[in-house]
Amino acid sequence: MAANDKQVLKEVVEVFVKQQKDYNPKEPIRVVCDEGDLYFILYGPDIATGIAGFGITPEAALNDFKVNWNRYKHKEVKT
């Protein structure tokens, strides 16, 4: 993966997250790609308390992240 792809994905994630009403600018947003080309997006301090998305392409990771964001936020409202 080119470094530019990683930066573009991070910018797309930042735009999505910043549009959400519960966005917290203090929470870090990270985009990682391991050597096997698995993309990983994390919003929050760690995977246990944050929201993550995984995929074999940037698009798949972003879609998984959005699904998990909506699940987490929807669950948060119900409890």
Protein backbone atom coordinates (compact mmCIF):
# COMPACT_ATOMS: atom_id res chain seq x y z
CA MET A 1 0.00 0.00 0.00
CA ALA A 2 1.28 3.43 -0.85
CA ALA A 3 1.64 5.90 1.99
CA ASN A 4 -0.67 8.19 0.03
CA ASP A 5 -3.48 5.58 0.12
CA LYS A 6 -3.20 5.42 3.90
CA GLN A 7 -3.34 9.23 4.18
CA VAL A 8 -6.38 9.46 1.89
CA LEU A 9 -8.19 6.78 3.92
CA LYS A 10 -7.40 8.62 7.16
CA GLU A 11 -8.76 11.87 5.70
CA VAL A 12 -11.99 10.14 4.61
CA VAL A 13 -12.41 8.62 8.08
CA GLU A 14 -11.78 12.00 9.71
CA VAL A 15 -14.46 13.63 7.55
CA PHE A 16 -16.96 10.88 8.44
CA VAL A 17 -16.22 11.00 12.17
CA LYS A 18 -16.27 14.81 12.37
CA GLN A 19 -19.75 14.83 10.82
CA GLN A 20 -21.10 12.71 13.70
CA LYS A 21 -22.75 14.52 16.58
CA ASP A 22 -20.78 12.60 19.20
CA TYR A 23 -17.38 13.28 17.66
CA ASN A 24 -14.74 13.91 20.30
CA PRO A 25 -11.68 15.73 18.90
CA LYS A 26 -9.59 14.39 21.79
CA GLU A 27 -9.98 10.80 20.56
CA PRO A 28 -7.23 9.69 18.18
CA ILE A 29 -8.02 8.37 14.72
CA ARG A 30 -5.53 5.87 13.35
CA VAL A 31 -5.27 4.04 10.04
CA VAL A 32 -2.91 1.08 9.87
CA CYS A 33 -2.03 -1.37 7.12
CA ASP A 34 -0.11 -4.47 8.06
CA GLU A 35 2.28 -6.19 5.71
CA GLY A 36 -0.46 -8.55 4.56
CA ASP A 37 -2.47 -5.60 3.24
CA LEU A 38 -5.12 -5.70 5.94
CA TYR A 39 -6.41 -2.19 6.58
CA PHE A 40 -7.34 -1.26 10.14
CA ILE A 41 -9.11 1.90 11.30
CA LEU A 42 -9.35 2.79 14.98
CA TYR A 43 -11.16 5.68 16.63
CA GLY A 44 -10.33 5.88 20.30
CA PRO A 45 -7.50 4.96 22.62
CA ASP A 46 -7.48 1.20 21.94
CA ILE A 47 -9.47 -1.57 20.32
CA ALA A 48 -11.19 -2.56 23.58
CA THR A 49 -12.77 0.85 24.17
CA GLY A 50 -12.70 2.37 20.69
CA ILE A 51 -14.47 1.72 17.41
CA ALA A 52 -12.64 -0.26 14.73
CA GLY A 53 -13.00 -1.35 11.13
CA PHE A 54 -11.06 -3.98 9.20
CA GLY A 55 -10.84 -4.88 5.53
CA ILE A 56 -8.61 -6.16 2.77
CA THR A 57 -9.18 -2.91 0.88
CA PRO A 58 -9.50 0.67 2.13
CA GLU A 59 -13.15 0.66 1.09
CA ALA A 60 -13.89 -2.56 2.99
CA ALA A 61 -12.22 -1.20 6.13
CA LEU A 62 -14.18 2.06 5.85
CA ASN A 63 -17.48 0.21 5.38
CA ASP A 64 -16.75 -2.03 8.37
CA PHE A 65 -15.82 1.02 10.45
CA LYS A 66 -19.07 2.79 9.54
CA VAL A 67 -21.14 -0.29 10.41
CA ASN A 68 -19.36 -0.63 13.75
CA TRP A 69 -19.68 3.11 14.45
CA ASN A 70 -23.44 2.95 13.89
CA ARG A 71 -23.80 -0.23 15.98
CA TYR A 72 -21.81 1.24 18.83
CA LYS A 73 -23.59 4.57 18.79
CA HIS A 74 -27.03 2.94 18.43
CA LYS A 75 -26.25 0.58 21.34
CA GLU A 76 -25.05 3.54 23.41
CA VAL A 77 -28.39 5.33 22.92
CA LYS A 78 -30.44 2.25 23.93
CA THR A 79 -28.61 1.64 27.22
